[in-house]
PDB file of N, CA and C in Angstrom:
ATOM      1  N   UNK A   1     -38.532 -57.469 -57.782  1.00  0.00           N
ATOM      2  CA  UNK A   1     -38.782 -56.215 -57.078  1.00  0.00           C
ATOM      3  C   UNK A   1     -39.599 -56.523 -55.824  1.00  0.00           C
ATOM      4  N   UNK A   2     -38.959 -56.426 -54.680  1.00  0.00           N
ATOM      5  CA  UNK A   2     -39.625 -56.768 -53.428  1.00  0.00           C
ATOM      6  C   UNK A   2     -40.016 -55.550 -52.620  1.00  0.00           C
ATOM      7  N   UNK A   3     -39.549 -54.379 -53.036  1.00  0.00           N
ATOM      8  CA  UNK A   3     -39.859 -53.126 -52.344  1.00  0.00           C
ATOM      9  C   UNK A   3     -39.411 -53.148 -50.888  1.00  0.00           C
ATOM     10  N   UNK A   4     -38.409 -53.978 -50.571  1.00  0.00           N
ATOM     11  CA  UNK A   4     -37.892 -54.037 -49.216  1.00  0.00           C
ATOM     12  C   UNK A   4     -38.773 -54.799 -48.242  1.00  0.00           C
ATOM     13  N   UNK A   5     -39.754 -55.516 -48.731  1.00  0.00           N
ATOM     14  CA  UNK A   5     -40.640 -56.293 -47.859  1.00  0.00           C
ATOM     15  C   UNK A   5     -39.967 -57.634 -47.573  1.00  0.00           C
ATOM     16  N   UNK A   6     -39.827 -58.010 -46.302  1.00  0.00           N
ATOM     17  CA  UNK A   6     -39.216 -59.301 -45.980  1.00  0.00           C
ATOM     18  C   UNK A   6     -40.057 -60.465 -46.519  1.00  0.00           C
ATOM     19  N   UNK A   7     -39.385 -61.580 -46.805  1.00  0.00           N
ATOM     20  CA  UNK A   7     -40.073 -62.736 -47.369  1.00  0.00           C
ATOM     21  C   UNK A   7     -41.227 -63.200 -46.478  1.00  0.00           C
ATOM     22  N   UNK A   8     -41.040 -63.121 -45.190  1.00  0.00           N
ATOM     23  CA  UNK A   8     -42.095 -63.554 -44.268  1.00  0.00           C
ATOM     24  C   UNK A   8     -43.394 -62.778 -44.522  1.00  0.00           C
ATOM     25  N   UNK A   9     -43.286 -61.461 -44.712  1.00  0.00           N
ATOM     26  CA  UNK A   9     -44.468 -60.635 -44.964  1.00  0.00           C
ATOM     27  C   UNK A   9     -44.999 -60.845 -46.377  1.00  0.00           C
ATOM     28  N   UNK A  10     -44.085 -61.052 -47.336  1.00  0.00           N
ATOM     29  CA  UNK A  10     -44.530 -61.310 -48.713  1.00  0.00           C
ATOM     30  C   UNK A  10     -45.351 -62.587 -48.777  1.00  0.00           C
ATOM     31  N   UNK A  11     -44.952 -63.591 -48.015  1.00  0.00           N
ATOM     32  CA  UNK A  11     -45.714 -64.843 -48.003  1.00  0.00           C
ATOM     33  C   UNK A  11     -47.109 -64.635 -47.416  1.00  0.00           C
ATOM     34  N   UNK A  12     -47.211 -63.863 -46.362  1.00  0.00           N
ATOM     35  CA  UNK A  12     -48.520 -63.583 -45.767  1.00  0.00           C
ATOM     36  C   UNK A  12     -49.390 -62.780 -46.733  1.00  0.00           C
ATOM     37  N   UNK A  13     -48.819 -61.733 -47.308  1.00  0.00           N
ATOM     38  CA  UNK A  13     -49.565 -60.904 -48.261  1.00  0.00           C
ATOM     39  C   UNK A  13     -49.968 -61.739 -49.470  1.00  0.00           C
ATOM     40  N   UNK A  14     -49.037 -62.538 -49.983  1.00  0.00           N
ATOM     41  CA  UNK A  14     -49.328 -63.380 -51.142  1.00  0.00           C
ATOM     42  C   UNK A  14     -50.421 -64.389 -50.861  1.00  0.00           C
ATOM     43  N   UNK A  15     -50.411 -64.980 -49.675  1.00  0.00           N
ATOM     44  CA  UNK A  15     -51.452 -65.934 -49.303  1.00  0.00           C
ATOM     45  C   UNK A  15     -52.821 -65.272 -49.311  1.00  0.00           C
ATOM     46  N   UNK A  16     -52.915 -64.110 -48.710  1.00  0.00           N
ATOM     47  CA  UNK A  16     -54.196 -63.397 -48.659  1.00  0.00           C
ATOM     48  C   UNK A  16     -54.652 -63.020 -50.062  1.00  0.00           C
ATOM     49  N   UNK A  17     -53.732 -62.500 -50.875  1.00  0.00           N
ATOM     50  CA  UNK A  17     -54.079 -62.119 -52.252  1.00  0.00           C
ATOM     51  C   UNK A  17     -54.529 -63.342 -53.042  1.00  0.00           C
ATOM     52  N   UNK A  18     -53.826 -64.468 -52.890  1.00  0.00           N
ATOM     53  CA  UNK A  18     -54.212 -65.686 -53.607  1.00  0.00           C
ATOM     54  C   UNK A  18     -55.595 -66.175 -53.195  1.00  0.00           C
ATOM     55  N   UNK A  19     -55.879 -66.176 -51.909  1.00  0.00           N
ATOM     56  CA  UNK A  19     -57.190 -66.636 -51.448  1.00  0.00           C
ATOM     57  C   UNK A  19     -58.311 -65.753 -51.983  1.00  0.00           C
ATOM     58  N   UNK A  20     -58.112 -64.452 -51.933  1.00  0.00           N
ATOM     59  CA  UNK A  20     -59.123 -63.520 -52.449  1.00  0.00           C
ATOM     60  C   UNK A  20     -59.261 -63.687 -53.956  1.00  0.00           C
ATOM     61  N   UNK A  21     -58.137 -63.789 -54.663  1.00  0.00           N
ATOM     62  CA  UNK A  21     -58.164 -63.950 -56.116  1.00  0.00           C
ATOM     63  C   UNK A  21     -58.903 -65.224 -56.515  1.00  0.00           C
ATOM     64  N   UNK A  22     -58.590 -66.341 -55.873  1.00  0.00           N
ATOM     65  CA  UNK A  22     -59.225 -67.615 -56.230  1.00  0.00           C
ATOM     66  C   UNK A  22     -60.723 -67.567 -55.950  1.00  0.00           C
ATOM     67  N   UNK A  23     -61.122 -66.948 -54.856  1.00  0.00           N
ATOM     68  CA  UNK A  23     -62.549 -66.824 -54.553  1.00  0.00           C
ATOM     69  C   UNK A  23     -63.270 -66.049 -55.654  1.00  0.00           C
ATOM     70  N   UNK A  24     -62.733 -64.870 -56.004  1.00  0.00           N
ATOM     71  CA  UNK A  24     -63.397 -64.058 -57.020  1.00  0.00           C
ATOM     72  C   UNK A  24     -63.295 -64.687 -58.407  1.00  0.00           C
ATOM     73  N   UNK A  25     -62.215 -65.389 -58.689  1.00  0.00           N
ATOM     74  CA  UNK A  25     -62.090 -66.091 -59.967  1.00  0.00           C
ATOM     75  C   UNK A  25     -63.185 -67.157 -60.068  1.00  0.00           C
ATOM     76  N   UNK A  26     -63.373 -67.925 -59.005  1.00  0.00           N
ATOM     77  CA  UNK A  26     -64.400 -68.966 -59.016  1.00  0.00           C
ATOM     78  C   UNK A  26     -65.797 -68.367 -59.174  1.00  0.00           C
ATOM     79  N   UNK A  27     -66.066 -67.250 -58.498  1.00  0.00           N
ATOM     80  CA  UNK A  27     -67.371 -66.597 -58.638  1.00  0.00           C
ATOM     81  C   UNK A  27     -67.588 -66.106 -60.074  1.00  0.00           C
ATOM     82  N   UNK A  28     -66.564 -65.523 -60.665  1.00  0.00           N
ATOM     83  CA  UNK A  28     -66.657 -65.043 -62.042  1.00  0.00           C
ATOM     84  C   UNK A  28     -66.888 -66.201 -63.008  1.00  0.00           C
ATOM     85  N   UNK A  29     -66.129 -67.272 -62.853  1.00  0.00           N
ATOM     86  CA  UNK A  29     -66.256 -68.428 -63.740  1.00  0.00           C
ATOM     87  C   UNK A  29     -67.652 -69.036 -63.631  1.00  0.00           C
ATOM     88  N   UNK A  30     -68.158 -69.183 -62.427  1.00  0.00           N
ATOM     89  CA  UNK A  30     -69.497 -69.759 -62.255  1.00  0.00           C
ATOM     90  C   UNK A  30     -70.581 -68.844 -62.800  1.00  0.00           C
ATOM     91  N   UNK A  31     -70.439 -67.542 -62.594  1.00  0.00           N
ATOM     92  CA  UNK A  31     -71.436 -66.594 -63.097  1.00  0.00           C
ATOM     93  C   UNK A  31     -71.487 -66.619 -64.616  1.00  0.00           C
ATOM     94  N   UNK A  32     -70.333 -66.605 -65.250  1.00  0.00           N
ATOM     95  CA  UNK A  32     -70.301 -66.671 -66.716  1.00  0.00           C
ATOM     96  C   UNK A  32     -70.900 -67.987 -67.188  1.00  0.00           C
ATOM     97  N   UNK A  33     -70.582 -69.082 -66.515  1.00  0.00           N
ATOM     98  CA  UNK A  33     -71.111 -70.385 -66.915  1.00  0.00           C
ATOM     99  C   UNK A  33     -72.630 -70.430 -66.804  1.00  0.00           C
ATOM    100  N   UNK A  34     -73.171 -69.841 -65.775  1.00  0.00           N
ATOM    101  CA  UNK A  34     -74.619 -69.886 -65.568  1.00  0.00           C
ATOM    102  C   UNK A  34     -75.359 -69.035 -66.585  1.00  0.00           C
ATOM    103  N   UNK A  35     -74.862 -67.826 -66.835  1.00  0.00           N
ATOM    104  CA  UNK A  35     -75.624 -66.874 -67.637  1.00  0.00           C
ATOM    105  C   UNK A  35     -75.239 -66.822 -69.109  1.00  0.00           C
ATOM    106  N   UNK A  36     -74.056 -67.284 -69.485  1.00  0.00           N
ATOM    107  CA  UNK A  36     -73.599 -67.103 -70.864  1.00  0.00           C
ATOM    108  C   UNK A  36     -73.400 -68.390 -71.653  1.00  0.00           C
ATOM    109  N   UNK A  37     -73.119 -69.498 -71.002  1.00  0.00           N
ATOM    110  CA  UNK A  37     -72.812 -70.719 -71.741  1.00  0.00           C
ATOM    111  C   UNK A  37     -74.080 -71.415 -72.212  1.00  0.00           C
ATOM    112  N   UNK A  38     -74.040 -71.971 -73.427  1.00  0.00           N
ATOM    113  CA  UNK A  38     -75.185 -72.769 -73.876  1.00  0.00           C
ATOM    114  C   UNK A  38     -75.225 -74.093 -73.109  1.00  0.00           C
ATOM    115  N   UNK A  39     -76.359 -74.737 -73.141  1.00  0.00           N
ATOM    116  CA  UNK A  39     -76.537 -76.006 -72.433  1.00  0.00           C
ATOM    117  C   UNK A  39     -75.940 -77.128 -73.283  1.00  0.00           C
ATOM    118  N   UNK A  40     -74.616 -77.193 -73.285  1.00  0.00           N
ATOM    119  CA  UNK A  40     -73.896 -78.168 -74.085  1.00  0.00           C
ATOM    120  C   UNK A  40     -72.751 -78.698 -73.229  1.00  0.00           C
ATOM    121  N   UNK A  41     -72.751 -79.987 -72.978  1.00  0.00           N
ATOM    122  CA  UNK A  41     -71.766 -80.583 -72.083  1.00  0.00           C
ATOM    123  C   UNK A  41     -70.332 -80.403 -72.539  1.00  0.00           C
ATOM    124  N   UNK A  42     -70.085 -80.532 -73.849  1.00  0.00           N
ATOM    125  CA  UNK A  42     -68.718 -80.396 -74.348  1.00  0.00           C
ATOM    126  C   UNK A  42     -68.207 -78.972 -74.177  1.00  0.00           C
ATOM    127  N   UNK A  43     -69.042 -77.988 -74.492  1.00  0.00           N
ATOM    128  CA  UNK A  43     -68.639 -76.585 -74.344  1.00  0.00           C
ATOM    129  C   UNK A  43     -68.379 -76.268 -72.876  1.00  0.00           C
ATOM    130  N   UNK A  44     -69.221 -76.776 -71.992  1.00  0.00           N
ATOM    131  CA  UNK A  44     -69.007 -76.562 -70.560  1.00  0.00           C
ATOM    132  C   UNK A  44     -67.694 -77.200 -70.103  1.00  0.00           C
ATOM    133  N   UNK A  45     -67.421 -78.401 -70.600  1.00  0.00           N
ATOM    134  CA  UNK A  45     -66.176 -79.084 -70.241  1.00  0.00           C
ATOM    135  C   UNK A  45     -64.960 -78.266 -70.657  1.00  0.00           C
ATOM    136  N   UNK A  46     -64.954 -77.806 -71.904  1.00  0.00           N
ATOM    137  CA  UNK A  46     -63.824 -77.022 -72.409  1.00  0.00           C
ATOM    138  C   UNK A  46     -63.703 -75.711 -71.636  1.00  0.00           C
ATOM    139  N   UNK A  47     -64.826 -75.067 -71.354  1.00  0.00           N
ATOM    140  CA  UNK A  47     -64.814 -73.803 -70.617  1.00  0.00           C
ATOM    141  C   UNK A  47     -64.220 -73.985 -69.223  1.00  0.00           C
ATOM    142  N   UNK A  48     -64.702 -74.985 -68.490  1.00  0.00           N
ATOM    143  CA  UNK A  48     -64.198 -75.193 -67.131  1.00  0.00           C
ATOM    144  C   UNK A  48     -62.750 -75.696 -67.134  1.00  0.00           C
ATOM    145  N   UNK A  49     -62.367 -76.444 -68.152  1.00  0.00           N
ATOM    146  CA  UNK A  49     -60.976 -76.866 -68.276  1.00  0.00           C
ATOM    147  C   UNK A  49     -60.073 -75.648 -68.465  1.00  0.00           C
ATOM    148  N   UNK A  50     -60.462 -74.761 -69.375  1.00  0.00           N
ATOM    149  CA  UNK A  50     -59.671 -73.548 -69.619  1.00  0.00           C
ATOM    150  C   UNK A  50     -59.649 -72.656 -68.381  1.00  0.00           C
ATOM    151  N   UNK A  51     -60.795 -72.464 -67.757  1.00  0.00           N
ATOM    152  CA  UNK A  51     -60.862 -71.614 -66.562  1.00  0.00           C
ATOM    153  C   UNK A  51     -60.047 -72.214 -65.419  1.00  0.00           C
ATOM    154  N   UNK A  52     -60.028 -73.533 -65.331  1.00  0.00           N
ATOM    155  CA  UNK A  52     -59.261 -74.200 -64.288  1.00  0.00           C
ATOM    156  C   UNK A  52     -57.764 -74.106 -64.488  1.00  0.00           C
ATOM    157  N   UNK A  53     -57.336 -73.915 -65.727  1.00  0.00           N
ATOM    158  CA  UNK A  53     -55.909 -73.778 -66.015  1.00  0.00           C
ATOM    159  C   UNK A  53     -55.482 -72.316 -65.967  1.00  0.00           C
ATOM    160  N   UNK A  54     -56.326 -71.415 -66.450  1.00  0.00           N
ATOM    161  CA  UNK A  54     -55.940 -70.009 -66.589  1.00  0.00           C
ATOM    162  C   UNK A  54     -55.687 -69.297 -65.261  1.00  0.00           C
ATOM    163  N   UNK A  55     -56.320 -69.739 -64.180  1.00  0.00           N
ATOM    164  CA  UNK A  55     -56.090 -69.059 -62.902  1.00  0.00           C
ATOM    165  C   UNK A  55     -54.657 -69.257 -62.423  1.00  0.00           C
ATOM    166  N   UNK A  56     -53.997 -70.295 -62.930  1.00  0.00           N
ATOM    167  CA  UNK A  56     -52.639 -70.584 -62.480  1.00  0.00           C
ATOM    168  C   UNK A  56     -51.622 -69.562 -62.988  1.00  0.00           C
ATOM    169  N   UNK A  57     -51.915 -68.873 -64.086  1.00  0.00           N
ATOM    170  CA  UNK A  57     -50.965 -67.888 -64.616  1.00  0.00           C
ATOM    171  C   UNK A  57     -50.739 -66.727 -63.647  1.00  0.00           C
ATOM    172  N   UNK A  58     -51.783 -66.005 -63.232  1.00  0.00           N
ATOM    173  CA  UNK A  58     -51.528 -64.935 -62.262  1.00  0.00           C
ATOM    174  C   UNK A  58     -51.079 -65.479 -60.903  1.00  0.00           C
ATOM    175  N   UNK A  59     -51.565 -66.654 -60.533  1.00  0.00           N
ATOM    176  CA  UNK A  59     -51.139 -67.238 -59.258  1.00  0.00           C
ATOM    177  C   UNK A  59     -49.646 -67.549 -59.286  1.00  0.00           C
ATOM    178  N   UNK A  60     -49.149 -67.974 -60.427  1.00  0.00           N
ATOM    179  CA  UNK A  60     -47.719 -68.253 -60.555  1.00  0.00           C
ATOM    180  C   UNK A  60     -46.867 -67.015 -60.348  1.00  0.00           C
ATOM    181  N   UNK A  61     -47.321 -65.884 -60.878  1.00  0.00           N
ATOM    182  CA  UNK A  61     -46.583 -64.636 -60.680  1.00  0.00           C
ATOM    183  C   UNK A  61     -46.587 -64.218 -59.209  1.00  0.00           C
ATOM    184  N   UNK A  62     -47.710 -64.410 -58.551  1.00  0.00           N
ATOM    185  CA  UNK A  62     -47.787 -64.068 -57.127  1.00  0.00           C
ATOM    186  C   UNK A  62     -46.848 -64.965 -56.320  1.00  0.00           C
ATOM    187  N   UNK A  63     -46.856 -66.253 -56.618  1.00  0.00           N
ATOM    188  CA  UNK A  63     -45.997 -67.189 -55.894  1.00  0.00           C
ATOM    189  C   UNK A  63     -44.528 -66.889 -56.172  1.00  0.00           C
ATOM    190  N   UNK A  64     -44.209 -66.554 -57.413  1.00  0.00           N
ATOM    191  CA  UNK A  64     -42.826 -66.196 -57.750  1.00  0.00           C
ATOM    192  C   UNK A  64     -42.388 -64.969 -56.952  1.00  0.00           C
ATOM    193  N   UNK A  65     -43.270 -63.976 -56.839  1.00  0.00           N
ATOM    194  CA  UNK A  65     -42.960 -62.777 -56.061  1.00  0.00           C
ATOM    195  C   UNK A  65     -42.758 -63.125 -54.588  1.00  0.00           C
ATOM    196  N   UNK A  66     -43.589 -64.033 -54.073  1.00  0.00           N
ATOM    197  CA  UNK A  66     -43.474 -64.422 -52.673  1.00  0.00           C
ATOM    198  C   UNK A  66     -42.122 -65.074 -52.378  1.00  0.00           C
ATOM    199  N   UNK A  67     -41.559 -65.784 -53.344  1.00  0.00           N
ATOM    200  CA  UNK A  67     -40.339 -66.558 -53.129  1.00  0.00           C
ATOM    201  C   UNK A  67     -39.050 -65.804 -53.441  1.00  0.00           C
ATOM    202  N   UNK A  68     -39.134 -64.548 -53.858  1.00  0.00           N
ATOM    203  CA  UNK A  68     -37.920 -63.785 -54.134  1.00  0.00           C
ATOM    204  C   UNK A  68     -37.076 -63.675 -52.866  1.00  0.00           C
ATOM    205  N   UNK A  69     -35.756 -63.750 -53.015  1.00  0.00           N
ATOM    206  CA  UNK A  69     -34.905 -63.621 -51.821  1.00  0.00           C
ATOM    207  C   UNK A  69     -34.977 -62.211 -51.249  1.00  0.00           C
ATOM    208  N   UNK A  70     -34.743 -62.129 -49.962  1.00  0.00           N
ATOM    209  CA  UNK A  70     -34.739 -60.824 -49.297  1.00  0.00           C
ATOM    210  C   UNK A  70     -33.602 -59.963 -49.827  1.00  0.00           C
ATOM    211  N   UNK A  71     -33.847 -58.668 -49.888  1.00  0.00           N
ATOM    212  CA  UNK A  71     -32.801 -57.726 -50.286  1.00  0.00           C
ATOM    213  C   UNK A  71     -31.770 -57.636 -49.166  1.00  0.00           C
ATOM    214  N   UNK A  72     -30.543 -57.555 -49.543  1.00  0.00           N
ATOM    215  CA  UNK A  72     -29.461 -57.479 -48.544  1.00  0.00           C
ATOM    216  C   UNK A  72     -29.258 -56.069 -48.086  1.00  0.00           C
TER     217      UNK A  72
END
């Protein structure tokens, strides 16, 4: 579903959304790590590993939307 938006504009919109999303995701991950995680290296490792992988799920949907072919 592209809503009639040309691919060129979808790529620009997607880029901006991705940059904003990644910034706020990183701020959220760091804030939770600072205030909620215990001082345990293994738990921090697992947390940051999971957080580093999980951002790719919504980013993948955005990228998929950006790459949809233009409506004829």
